[in-house]
């Protein structure tokens, strides 16, 4: 939540811009898209309650699933190439991608050829979630959707790289 902390006396008012107060969470998302061509949401106005999740089936160059968890006013996102694990003990690679705006949680449609992520996106599951742990190396969450339920863990796969995670369904 933005709040006023002090007046800036080091700059004249004509040098102050909205970019200086705008959130930087979505800069990577915005830099990869041409919103004049792509129907994807720009992410201007949506507000969340801090607990939504969505899984989108994404038919791009290769079919994969995008797992998105709301946190800090954005959807933290991972591409899961082989689909989400449905049984305890199954493990899947999850590749961390850029944060997405909250209104992406309702997005279904076709991203045009030539655009980043070109292909068809449809919602596979959505709902709310709770988390027990959320730190730099592990996220333990419990989704409550139409398809996903139970306890899931995302664990950073340090040997594979900074953005590589393992996603698995844990025993309840």
N, C-alpha and C. Protein backbone atom coordinates (compact mmCIF):
# COMPACT_ATOMS: atom_id res chain seq x y z
N UNK A 1 0.84 -1.17 0.00
CA UNK A 1 0.00 0.00 0.00
C UNK A 1 0.89 1.23 0.00
N UNK A 2 0.75 2.11 -0.99
CA UNK A 2 1.56 3.34 -1.01
C UNK A 2 1.19 4.25 0.16
N UNK A 3 2.16 4.99 0.62
CA UNK A 3 1.88 5.97 1.66
C UNK A 3 2.86 7.12 1.54
N UNK A 4 2.45 8.24 2.00
CA UNK A 4 3.28 9.44 1.96
C UNK A 4 4.31 9.37 3.07
N UNK A 5 5.58 9.54 2.72
CA UNK A 5 6.59 9.54 3.77
C UNK A 5 7.25 10.90 3.95
N UNK A 6 7.47 11.64 2.84
CA UNK A 6 8.04 12.97 2.96
C UNK A 6 7.98 13.68 1.61
N UNK A 7 8.14 14.98 1.64
CA UNK A 7 8.27 15.76 0.43
C UNK A 7 9.68 15.62 -0.11
N UNK A 8 9.81 15.66 -1.42
CA UNK A 8 11.15 15.62 -2.04
C UNK A 8 11.59 17.06 -2.29
N UNK A 9 12.66 17.42 -1.67
CA UNK A 9 13.20 18.77 -1.87
C UNK A 9 14.40 18.76 -2.81
N UNK A 10 14.82 17.54 -3.22
CA UNK A 10 16.00 17.43 -4.08
C UNK A 10 15.68 17.58 -5.56
N UNK A 11 14.39 17.62 -5.94
CA UNK A 11 13.99 17.74 -7.35
C UNK A 11 12.86 18.74 -7.48
N UNK A 12 12.87 19.46 -8.60
CA UNK A 12 11.71 20.32 -8.87
C UNK A 12 10.52 19.43 -9.27
N UNK A 13 9.31 19.92 -9.09
CA UNK A 13 8.11 19.12 -9.35
C UNK A 13 8.01 18.65 -10.80
N UNK A 14 8.52 19.41 -11.77
CA UNK A 14 8.42 18.98 -13.17
C UNK A 14 9.34 17.80 -13.49
N UNK A 15 10.25 17.45 -12.61
CA UNK A 15 11.10 16.27 -12.82
C UNK A 15 10.55 15.02 -12.15
N UNK A 16 9.49 15.14 -11.41
CA UNK A 16 8.88 13.99 -10.75
C UNK A 16 7.89 13.34 -11.71
N UNK A 17 7.98 12.01 -11.85
CA UNK A 17 7.10 11.29 -12.77
C UNK A 17 6.41 10.14 -12.07
N UNK A 18 5.36 9.64 -12.70
CA UNK A 18 4.61 8.51 -12.14
C UNK A 18 5.48 7.26 -12.08
N UNK A 19 6.45 7.12 -12.99
CA UNK A 19 7.34 5.96 -12.97
C UNK A 19 8.12 5.86 -11.68
N UNK A 20 8.29 6.96 -10.99
CA UNK A 20 9.04 6.93 -9.74
C UNK A 20 8.22 6.34 -8.60
N UNK A 21 6.91 6.30 -8.74
CA UNK A 21 6.07 5.71 -7.70
C UNK A 21 5.36 4.45 -8.15
N UNK A 22 5.36 4.15 -9.43
CA UNK A 22 4.69 2.97 -9.97
C UNK A 22 5.45 1.71 -9.55
N UNK A 23 4.71 0.66 -9.25
CA UNK A 23 5.32 -0.61 -8.87
C UNK A 23 6.20 -1.16 -9.98
N UNK A 24 7.31 -1.73 -9.59
CA UNK A 24 8.23 -2.32 -10.57
C UNK A 24 7.97 -3.80 -10.77
N UNK A 25 7.02 -4.38 -10.04
CA UNK A 25 6.75 -5.81 -10.13
C UNK A 25 6.40 -6.27 -11.54
N UNK A 26 5.75 -5.44 -12.32
CA UNK A 26 5.25 -5.87 -13.63
C UNK A 26 6.08 -5.33 -14.79
N UNK A 27 7.22 -4.73 -14.54
CA UNK A 27 8.02 -4.17 -15.63
C UNK A 27 8.45 -5.22 -16.63
N UNK A 28 8.88 -6.39 -16.17
CA UNK A 28 9.30 -7.45 -17.10
C UNK A 28 8.11 -7.94 -17.92
N UNK A 29 6.96 -8.13 -17.26
CA UNK A 29 5.74 -8.54 -17.96
C UNK A 29 5.39 -7.53 -19.06
N UNK A 30 5.37 -6.26 -18.72
CA UNK A 30 4.99 -5.22 -19.69
C UNK A 30 6.01 -5.10 -20.82
N UNK A 31 7.29 -5.30 -20.52
CA UNK A 31 8.32 -5.15 -21.56
C UNK A 31 8.26 -6.25 -22.62
N UNK A 32 7.65 -7.38 -22.32
CA UNK A 32 7.59 -8.50 -23.26
C UNK A 32 6.34 -8.48 -24.14
N UNK A 33 5.44 -7.53 -23.94
CA UNK A 33 4.16 -7.56 -24.63
C UNK A 33 3.84 -6.25 -25.34
N UNK A 34 3.15 -6.39 -26.47
CA UNK A 34 2.61 -5.24 -27.19
C UNK A 34 1.10 -5.27 -26.98
N UNK A 35 0.61 -4.45 -26.09
CA UNK A 35 -0.80 -4.49 -25.72
C UNK A 35 -1.73 -3.95 -26.81
N UNK A 36 -1.17 -3.37 -27.86
CA UNK A 36 -1.98 -2.97 -29.01
C UNK A 36 -2.34 -4.18 -29.86
N UNK A 37 -1.55 -5.26 -29.73
CA UNK A 37 -1.74 -6.47 -30.53
C UNK A 37 -2.27 -7.62 -29.68
N UNK A 38 -1.75 -7.78 -28.49
CA UNK A 38 -2.10 -8.91 -27.63
C UNK A 38 -3.34 -8.59 -26.79
N UNK A 39 -4.25 -9.56 -26.65
CA UNK A 39 -5.44 -9.35 -25.81
C UNK A 39 -5.16 -9.54 -24.32
N UNK A 40 -3.92 -9.81 -23.95
CA UNK A 40 -3.60 -10.04 -22.55
C UNK A 40 -3.87 -8.78 -21.73
N UNK A 41 -4.29 -8.95 -20.48
CA UNK A 41 -4.55 -7.78 -19.63
C UNK A 41 -3.27 -7.03 -19.29
N UNK A 42 -3.39 -5.72 -19.29
CA UNK A 42 -2.24 -4.88 -18.97
C UNK A 42 -1.99 -4.83 -17.47
N UNK A 43 -3.05 -5.02 -16.71
CA UNK A 43 -2.88 -5.08 -15.27
C UNK A 43 -3.00 -3.75 -14.59
N UNK A 44 -4.03 -3.00 -14.94
CA UNK A 44 -4.18 -1.66 -14.39
C UNK A 44 -4.93 -1.60 -13.07
N UNK A 45 -6.05 -2.31 -12.96
CA UNK A 45 -6.97 -2.02 -11.87
C UNK A 45 -7.31 -3.17 -10.94
N UNK A 46 -6.97 -4.38 -11.25
CA UNK A 46 -7.44 -5.51 -10.45
C UNK A 46 -6.88 -5.47 -9.03
N UNK A 47 -7.73 -5.84 -8.10
CA UNK A 47 -7.33 -5.94 -6.71
C UNK A 47 -7.70 -7.34 -6.24
N UNK A 48 -6.88 -7.93 -5.42
CA UNK A 48 -7.15 -9.28 -4.95
C UNK A 48 -7.22 -9.33 -3.45
N UNK A 49 -7.51 -10.53 -2.96
CA UNK A 49 -7.57 -10.71 -1.51
C UNK A 49 -6.32 -11.41 -0.98
N UNK A 50 -5.35 -11.64 -1.89
CA UNK A 50 -4.09 -12.22 -1.47
C UNK A 50 -4.04 -13.73 -1.48
N UNK A 51 -5.10 -14.39 -1.98
CA UNK A 51 -5.12 -15.84 -1.86
C UNK A 51 -5.61 -16.57 -3.11
N UNK A 52 -5.64 -15.96 -4.27
CA UNK A 52 -6.13 -16.70 -5.43
C UNK A 52 -5.00 -17.48 -6.09
N UNK A 53 -5.38 -18.58 -6.72
CA UNK A 53 -4.44 -19.30 -7.58
C UNK A 53 -5.18 -19.60 -8.88
N UNK A 54 -4.41 -19.78 -9.92
CA UNK A 54 -4.97 -20.20 -11.21
C UNK A 54 -3.93 -21.07 -11.90
N UNK A 55 -4.42 -22.07 -12.63
CA UNK A 55 -3.58 -22.88 -13.49
C UNK A 55 -4.15 -22.72 -14.89
N UNK A 56 -3.31 -22.28 -15.80
CA UNK A 56 -3.74 -22.07 -17.18
C UNK A 56 -3.04 -23.06 -18.10
N UNK A 57 -3.84 -23.68 -18.97
CA UNK A 57 -3.31 -24.56 -20.00
C UNK A 57 -2.88 -23.66 -21.14
N UNK A 58 -1.62 -23.75 -21.53
CA UNK A 58 -1.06 -22.81 -22.50
C UNK A 58 -0.49 -23.59 -23.69
N UNK A 59 -1.20 -23.50 -24.80
CA UNK A 59 -0.75 -24.14 -26.04
C UNK A 59 0.11 -23.14 -26.80
N UNK A 60 1.39 -23.08 -26.46
CA UNK A 60 2.34 -22.20 -27.13
C UNK A 60 3.19 -23.09 -28.05
N UNK A 61 4.48 -22.79 -28.18
CA UNK A 61 5.34 -23.67 -28.99
C UNK A 61 5.20 -25.10 -28.52
N UNK A 62 5.10 -25.28 -27.23
CA UNK A 62 4.85 -26.59 -26.63
C UNK A 62 3.76 -26.41 -25.57
N UNK A 63 2.93 -27.42 -25.45
CA UNK A 63 1.90 -27.40 -24.40
C UNK A 63 2.59 -27.39 -23.04
N UNK A 64 2.15 -26.49 -22.19
CA UNK A 64 2.59 -26.48 -20.80
C UNK A 64 1.48 -25.88 -19.96
N UNK A 65 1.65 -25.90 -18.67
CA UNK A 65 0.68 -25.33 -17.74
C UNK A 65 1.37 -24.23 -16.95
N UNK A 66 0.64 -23.15 -16.72
CA UNK A 66 1.18 -22.03 -15.95
C UNK A 66 0.49 -22.00 -14.59
N UNK A 67 1.28 -22.16 -13.54
CA UNK A 67 0.80 -22.07 -12.17
C UNK A 67 1.01 -20.65 -11.69
N UNK A 68 -0.04 -20.04 -11.15
CA UNK A 68 0.06 -18.67 -10.68
C UNK A 68 -0.53 -18.57 -9.26
N UNK A 69 0.24 -17.98 -8.36
CA UNK A 69 -0.17 -17.78 -6.97
C UNK A 69 -0.12 -16.30 -6.64
N UNK A 70 -1.21 -15.78 -6.12
CA UNK A 70 -1.24 -14.36 -5.77
C UNK A 70 -0.39 -14.09 -4.54
N UNK A 71 0.46 -13.08 -4.67
CA UNK A 71 1.27 -12.62 -3.53
C UNK A 71 1.77 -11.22 -3.83
N UNK A 72 1.70 -10.34 -2.87
CA UNK A 72 2.20 -8.97 -2.99
C UNK A 72 1.57 -8.22 -4.16
N UNK A 73 0.30 -8.46 -4.43
CA UNK A 73 -0.42 -7.70 -5.45
C UNK A 73 -0.19 -8.15 -6.88
N UNK A 74 0.50 -9.28 -7.08
CA UNK A 74 0.74 -9.82 -8.42
C UNK A 74 0.53 -11.34 -8.37
N UNK A 75 0.55 -11.95 -9.54
CA UNK A 75 0.53 -13.41 -9.62
C UNK A 75 1.95 -13.90 -9.84
N UNK A 76 2.54 -14.52 -8.83
CA UNK A 76 3.84 -15.17 -8.97
C UNK A 76 3.60 -16.36 -9.88
N UNK A 77 4.50 -16.60 -10.85
CA UNK A 77 4.18 -17.55 -11.93
C UNK A 77 5.30 -18.52 -12.22
N UNK A 78 4.89 -19.75 -12.57
CA UNK A 78 5.80 -20.82 -12.97
C UNK A 78 5.21 -21.55 -14.17
N UNK A 79 6.04 -21.86 -15.15
CA UNK A 79 5.64 -22.71 -16.26
C UNK A 79 5.97 -24.15 -15.87
N UNK A 80 4.98 -25.03 -16.03
CA UNK A 80 5.15 -26.43 -15.65
C UNK A 80 4.98 -27.26 -16.93
N UNK A 81 6.10 -27.65 -17.56
CA UNK A 81 6.03 -28.29 -18.88
C UNK A 81 5.22 -29.58 -18.95
N UNK A 82 5.24 -30.39 -17.91
CA UNK A 82 4.57 -31.70 -17.99
C UNK A 82 3.29 -31.77 -17.18
N UNK A 83 2.72 -30.64 -16.83
CA UNK A 83 1.47 -30.64 -16.07
C UNK A 83 1.72 -30.78 -14.58
N UNK A 84 0.70 -30.47 -13.82
CA UNK A 84 0.83 -30.50 -12.37
C UNK A 84 0.73 -31.93 -11.84
N UNK A 85 1.51 -32.24 -10.82
CA UNK A 85 1.42 -33.58 -10.23
C UNK A 85 0.09 -33.75 -9.51
N UNK A 86 -0.53 -34.90 -9.72
CA UNK A 86 -1.84 -35.14 -9.12
C UNK A 86 -1.76 -36.16 -7.98
N UNK A 87 -0.66 -36.89 -7.90
CA UNK A 87 -0.51 -37.93 -6.88
C UNK A 87 0.70 -37.63 -6.00
N UNK A 88 0.60 -37.94 -4.70
CA UNK A 88 1.74 -37.72 -3.81
C UNK A 88 2.99 -38.42 -4.34
N UNK A 89 4.11 -37.72 -4.25
CA UNK A 89 5.38 -38.27 -4.68
C UNK A 89 5.76 -37.92 -6.12
N UNK A 90 4.79 -37.56 -6.97
CA UNK A 90 5.11 -37.16 -8.34
C UNK A 90 5.82 -35.81 -8.30
N UNK A 91 6.87 -35.68 -9.10
CA UNK A 91 7.63 -34.44 -9.16
C UNK A 91 7.59 -33.88 -10.57
N UNK A 92 7.54 -32.56 -10.67
CA UNK A 92 7.55 -31.89 -11.96
C UNK A 92 8.50 -30.70 -11.89
N UNK A 93 9.16 -30.43 -13.01
CA UNK A 93 9.96 -29.23 -13.13
C UNK A 93 9.00 -28.04 -13.24
N UNK A 94 9.29 -26.97 -12.54
CA UNK A 94 8.53 -25.72 -12.63
C UNK A 94 9.54 -24.59 -12.84
N UNK A 95 9.36 -23.84 -13.91
CA UNK A 95 10.30 -22.78 -14.25
C UNK A 95 9.68 -21.44 -13.90
N UNK A 96 10.33 -20.72 -13.00
CA UNK A 96 9.81 -19.42 -12.57
C UNK A 96 9.87 -18.45 -13.75
N UNK A 97 8.75 -17.76 -13.98
CA UNK A 97 8.67 -16.75 -15.03
C UNK A 97 8.28 -15.43 -14.40
N UNK A 98 8.13 -14.40 -15.22
CA UNK A 98 7.84 -13.07 -14.70
C UNK A 98 6.49 -13.02 -13.99
N UNK A 99 6.38 -12.10 -13.03
CA UNK A 99 5.11 -11.86 -12.35
C UNK A 99 4.08 -11.40 -13.37
N UNK A 100 2.83 -11.77 -13.14
CA UNK A 100 1.72 -11.37 -13.99
C UNK A 100 0.73 -10.54 -13.17
N UNK A 101 -0.03 -9.66 -13.83
CA UNK A 101 -1.02 -8.88 -13.09
C UNK A 101 -2.15 -9.76 -12.59
N UNK A 102 -2.83 -9.32 -11.55
CA UNK A 102 -3.91 -10.12 -10.96
C UNK A 102 -5.01 -10.45 -11.95
N UNK A 103 -5.34 -9.52 -12.86
CA UNK A 103 -6.43 -9.81 -13.79
C UNK A 103 -6.05 -10.86 -14.84
N UNK A 104 -4.78 -11.27 -14.88
CA UNK A 104 -4.40 -12.39 -15.75
C UNK A 104 -5.04 -13.68 -15.26
N UNK A 105 -5.43 -13.72 -14.01
CA UNK A 105 -6.09 -14.89 -13.44
C UNK A 105 -7.41 -15.21 -14.09
N UNK A 106 -7.99 -14.27 -14.82
CA UNK A 106 -9.25 -14.50 -15.55
C UNK A 106 -9.05 -14.58 -17.05
N UNK A 107 -7.80 -14.50 -17.49
CA UNK A 107 -7.54 -14.43 -18.93
C UNK A 107 -7.66 -15.78 -19.61
N UNK A 108 -8.42 -15.80 -20.68
CA UNK A 108 -8.48 -16.90 -21.63
C UNK A 108 -8.51 -16.27 -23.00
N UNK A 109 -7.79 -16.83 -23.95
CA UNK A 109 -7.80 -16.26 -25.29
C UNK A 109 -6.60 -16.71 -26.08
N UNK A 110 -6.44 -16.10 -27.24
CA UNK A 110 -5.34 -16.45 -28.13
C UNK A 110 -4.38 -15.28 -28.24
N UNK A 111 -3.13 -15.53 -27.90
CA UNK A 111 -2.07 -14.55 -28.06
C UNK A 111 -1.58 -14.69 -29.50
N UNK A 112 -1.61 -13.60 -30.27
CA UNK A 112 -1.29 -13.70 -31.70
C UNK A 112 0.13 -14.15 -32.00
N UNK A 113 0.28 -14.78 -33.15
CA UNK A 113 1.59 -15.20 -33.64
C UNK A 113 2.52 -13.99 -33.69
N UNK A 114 3.77 -14.20 -33.34
CA UNK A 114 4.75 -13.12 -33.32
C UNK A 114 4.85 -12.43 -31.97
N UNK A 115 3.90 -12.70 -31.08
CA UNK A 115 3.92 -12.11 -29.75
C UNK A 115 4.52 -13.10 -28.75
N UNK A 116 5.08 -12.58 -27.67
CA UNK A 116 5.63 -13.42 -26.62
C UNK A 116 4.54 -14.35 -26.09
N UNK A 117 4.82 -15.65 -26.04
CA UNK A 117 3.84 -16.61 -25.53
C UNK A 117 2.72 -16.92 -26.49
N UNK A 118 2.92 -16.67 -27.79
CA UNK A 118 1.87 -16.87 -28.79
C UNK A 118 1.24 -18.25 -28.64
N UNK A 119 -0.08 -18.28 -28.70
CA UNK A 119 -0.83 -19.53 -28.59
C UNK A 119 -2.10 -19.31 -27.79
N UNK A 120 -2.77 -20.41 -27.50
CA UNK A 120 -4.05 -20.36 -26.82
C UNK A 120 -3.88 -20.60 -25.33
N UNK A 121 -4.55 -19.79 -24.53
CA UNK A 121 -4.52 -19.90 -23.07
C UNK A 121 -5.94 -20.15 -22.59
N UNK A 122 -6.12 -21.18 -21.78
CA UNK A 122 -7.43 -21.38 -21.15
C UNK A 122 -7.24 -21.80 -19.71
N UNK A 123 -8.20 -21.48 -18.90
CA UNK A 123 -8.12 -21.78 -17.47
C UNK A 123 -8.38 -23.26 -17.26
N UNK A 124 -7.46 -23.93 -16.59
CA UNK A 124 -7.57 -25.35 -16.29
C UNK A 124 -8.16 -25.55 -14.89
N UNK A 125 -7.77 -24.68 -13.96
CA UNK A 125 -8.31 -24.72 -12.61
C UNK A 125 -8.04 -23.38 -11.94
N UNK A 126 -8.86 -23.05 -10.97
CA UNK A 126 -8.63 -21.84 -10.17
C UNK A 126 -9.38 -21.97 -8.86
N UNK A 127 -8.99 -21.13 -7.93
CA UNK A 127 -9.61 -21.15 -6.62
C UNK A 127 -8.81 -20.29 -5.67
N UNK A 128 -8.82 -20.68 -4.42
CA UNK A 128 -8.06 -19.98 -3.39
C UNK A 128 -6.99 -20.94 -2.85
N UNK A 129 -6.07 -20.38 -2.11
CA UNK A 129 -5.05 -21.23 -1.50
C UNK A 129 -4.62 -20.63 -0.18
N UNK A 130 -4.04 -21.48 0.63
CA UNK A 130 -3.39 -21.05 1.86
C UNK A 130 -1.94 -21.52 1.77
N UNK A 131 -1.06 -20.82 2.44
CA UNK A 131 0.32 -21.29 2.47
C UNK A 131 0.82 -21.42 3.89
N UNK A 132 1.70 -22.40 4.08
CA UNK A 132 2.33 -22.60 5.38
C UNK A 132 3.72 -22.00 5.40
N UNK A 133 4.42 -22.10 4.25
CA UNK A 133 5.78 -21.59 4.14
C UNK A 133 5.89 -20.85 2.82
N UNK A 134 6.54 -19.69 2.86
CA UNK A 134 6.87 -18.97 1.62
C UNK A 134 8.18 -18.24 1.87
N UNK A 135 9.27 -18.82 1.39
CA UNK A 135 10.56 -18.15 1.50
C UNK A 135 11.29 -18.27 0.17
N UNK A 136 12.55 -17.86 0.13
CA UNK A 136 13.29 -17.84 -1.14
C UNK A 136 13.51 -19.22 -1.74
N UNK A 137 13.47 -20.26 -0.93
CA UNK A 137 13.79 -21.60 -1.42
C UNK A 137 12.64 -22.59 -1.38
N UNK A 138 11.54 -22.25 -0.73
CA UNK A 138 10.43 -23.20 -0.63
C UNK A 138 9.09 -22.49 -0.44
N UNK A 139 8.09 -23.02 -1.12
CA UNK A 139 6.72 -22.55 -0.94
C UNK A 139 5.87 -23.79 -0.71
N UNK A 140 5.19 -23.82 0.41
CA UNK A 140 4.27 -24.91 0.70
C UNK A 140 2.87 -24.31 0.72
N UNK A 141 2.01 -24.81 -0.16
CA UNK A 141 0.67 -24.23 -0.29
C UNK A 141 -0.40 -25.30 -0.45
N UNK A 142 -1.62 -24.95 -0.09
CA UNK A 142 -2.76 -25.84 -0.18
C UNK A 142 -3.83 -25.19 -1.05
N UNK A 143 -3.91 -25.59 -2.33
CA UNK A 143 -4.94 -25.02 -3.20
C UNK A 143 -6.30 -25.65 -2.92
N UNK A 144 -7.33 -24.85 -3.12
CA UNK A 144 -8.71 -25.34 -3.02
C UNK A 144 -9.42 -24.92 -4.29
N UNK A 145 -9.31 -25.77 -5.29
CA UNK A 145 -9.92 -25.50 -6.58
C UNK A 145 -10.88 -26.62 -6.95
N UNK A 146 -11.32 -26.61 -8.20
CA UNK A 146 -12.20 -27.68 -8.67
C UNK A 146 -11.41 -28.96 -8.90
N UNK A 147 -10.14 -28.84 -9.29
CA UNK A 147 -9.31 -30.00 -9.58
C UNK A 147 -8.21 -30.18 -8.55
N UNK A 148 -7.50 -29.11 -8.23
CA UNK A 148 -6.37 -29.20 -7.30
C UNK A 148 -6.83 -29.04 -5.86
N UNK A 149 -6.42 -30.00 -5.05
CA UNK A 149 -6.61 -29.93 -3.61
C UNK A 149 -5.47 -30.69 -2.98
N UNK A 150 -5.22 -30.39 -1.74
CA UNK A 150 -4.15 -31.09 -1.04
C UNK A 150 -3.00 -30.16 -0.72
N UNK A 151 -1.85 -30.74 -0.50
CA UNK A 151 -0.67 -29.97 -0.10
C UNK A 151 0.37 -30.09 -1.19
N UNK A 152 0.83 -28.94 -1.69
CA UNK A 152 1.84 -28.90 -2.75
C UNK A 152 3.06 -28.15 -2.24
N UNK A 153 4.21 -28.53 -2.78
CA UNK A 153 5.46 -27.88 -2.40
C UNK A 153 6.23 -27.51 -3.66
N UNK A 154 6.67 -26.28 -3.69
CA UNK A 154 7.63 -25.80 -4.69
C UNK A 154 8.95 -25.65 -3.97
N UNK A 155 9.97 -26.36 -4.43
CA UNK A 155 11.29 -26.28 -3.81
C UNK A 155 12.30 -25.86 -4.87
N UNK A 156 13.09 -24.84 -4.55
CA UNK A 156 14.08 -24.37 -5.51
C UNK A 156 15.09 -25.48 -5.78
N UNK A 157 15.34 -25.72 -7.05
CA UNK A 157 16.26 -26.76 -7.50
C UNK A 157 17.60 -26.07 -7.77
N UNK A 158 18.36 -25.85 -6.71
CA UNK A 158 19.56 -25.01 -6.75
C UNK A 158 20.59 -25.44 -7.78
N UNK A 159 20.77 -26.73 -7.96
CA UNK A 159 21.79 -27.22 -8.89
C UNK A 159 21.43 -26.90 -10.34
N UNK A 160 20.15 -26.76 -10.64
CA UNK A 160 19.70 -26.55 -12.02
C UNK A 160 19.71 -25.08 -12.42
N UNK A 161 19.63 -24.17 -11.46
CA UNK A 161 19.63 -22.74 -11.79
C UNK A 161 18.67 -21.96 -10.92
N UNK A 162 18.79 -20.66 -10.98
CA UNK A 162 18.05 -19.75 -10.11
C UNK A 162 16.53 -19.84 -10.28
N UNK A 163 16.07 -20.09 -11.49
CA UNK A 163 14.63 -20.07 -11.76
C UNK A 163 14.00 -21.46 -11.86
N UNK A 164 14.79 -22.49 -11.56
CA UNK A 164 14.31 -23.87 -11.64
C UNK A 164 13.80 -24.32 -10.27
N UNK A 165 12.59 -24.86 -10.27
CA UNK A 165 11.98 -25.36 -9.05
C UNK A 165 11.48 -26.78 -9.30
N UNK A 166 11.29 -27.54 -8.23
CA UNK A 166 10.60 -28.81 -8.29
C UNK A 166 9.23 -28.60 -7.65
N UNK A 167 8.20 -29.07 -8.33
CA UNK A 167 6.84 -28.99 -7.81
C UNK A 167 6.38 -30.41 -7.53
N UNK A 168 5.90 -30.65 -6.33
CA UNK A 168 5.38 -31.98 -6.05
C UNK A 168 4.20 -31.90 -5.10
N UNK A 169 3.36 -32.93 -5.21
CA UNK A 169 2.23 -33.05 -4.30
C UNK A 169 2.71 -33.86 -3.11
N UNK A 170 2.51 -33.31 -1.93
CA UNK A 170 2.97 -33.98 -0.71
C UNK A 170 1.83 -34.79 -0.12
N UNK A 171 2.21 -35.73 0.73
CA UNK A 171 1.18 -36.47 1.46
C UNK A 171 0.50 -35.52 2.42
N UNK A 172 -0.81 -35.66 2.55
CA UNK A 172 -1.56 -34.74 3.42
C UNK A 172 -1.31 -34.94 4.88
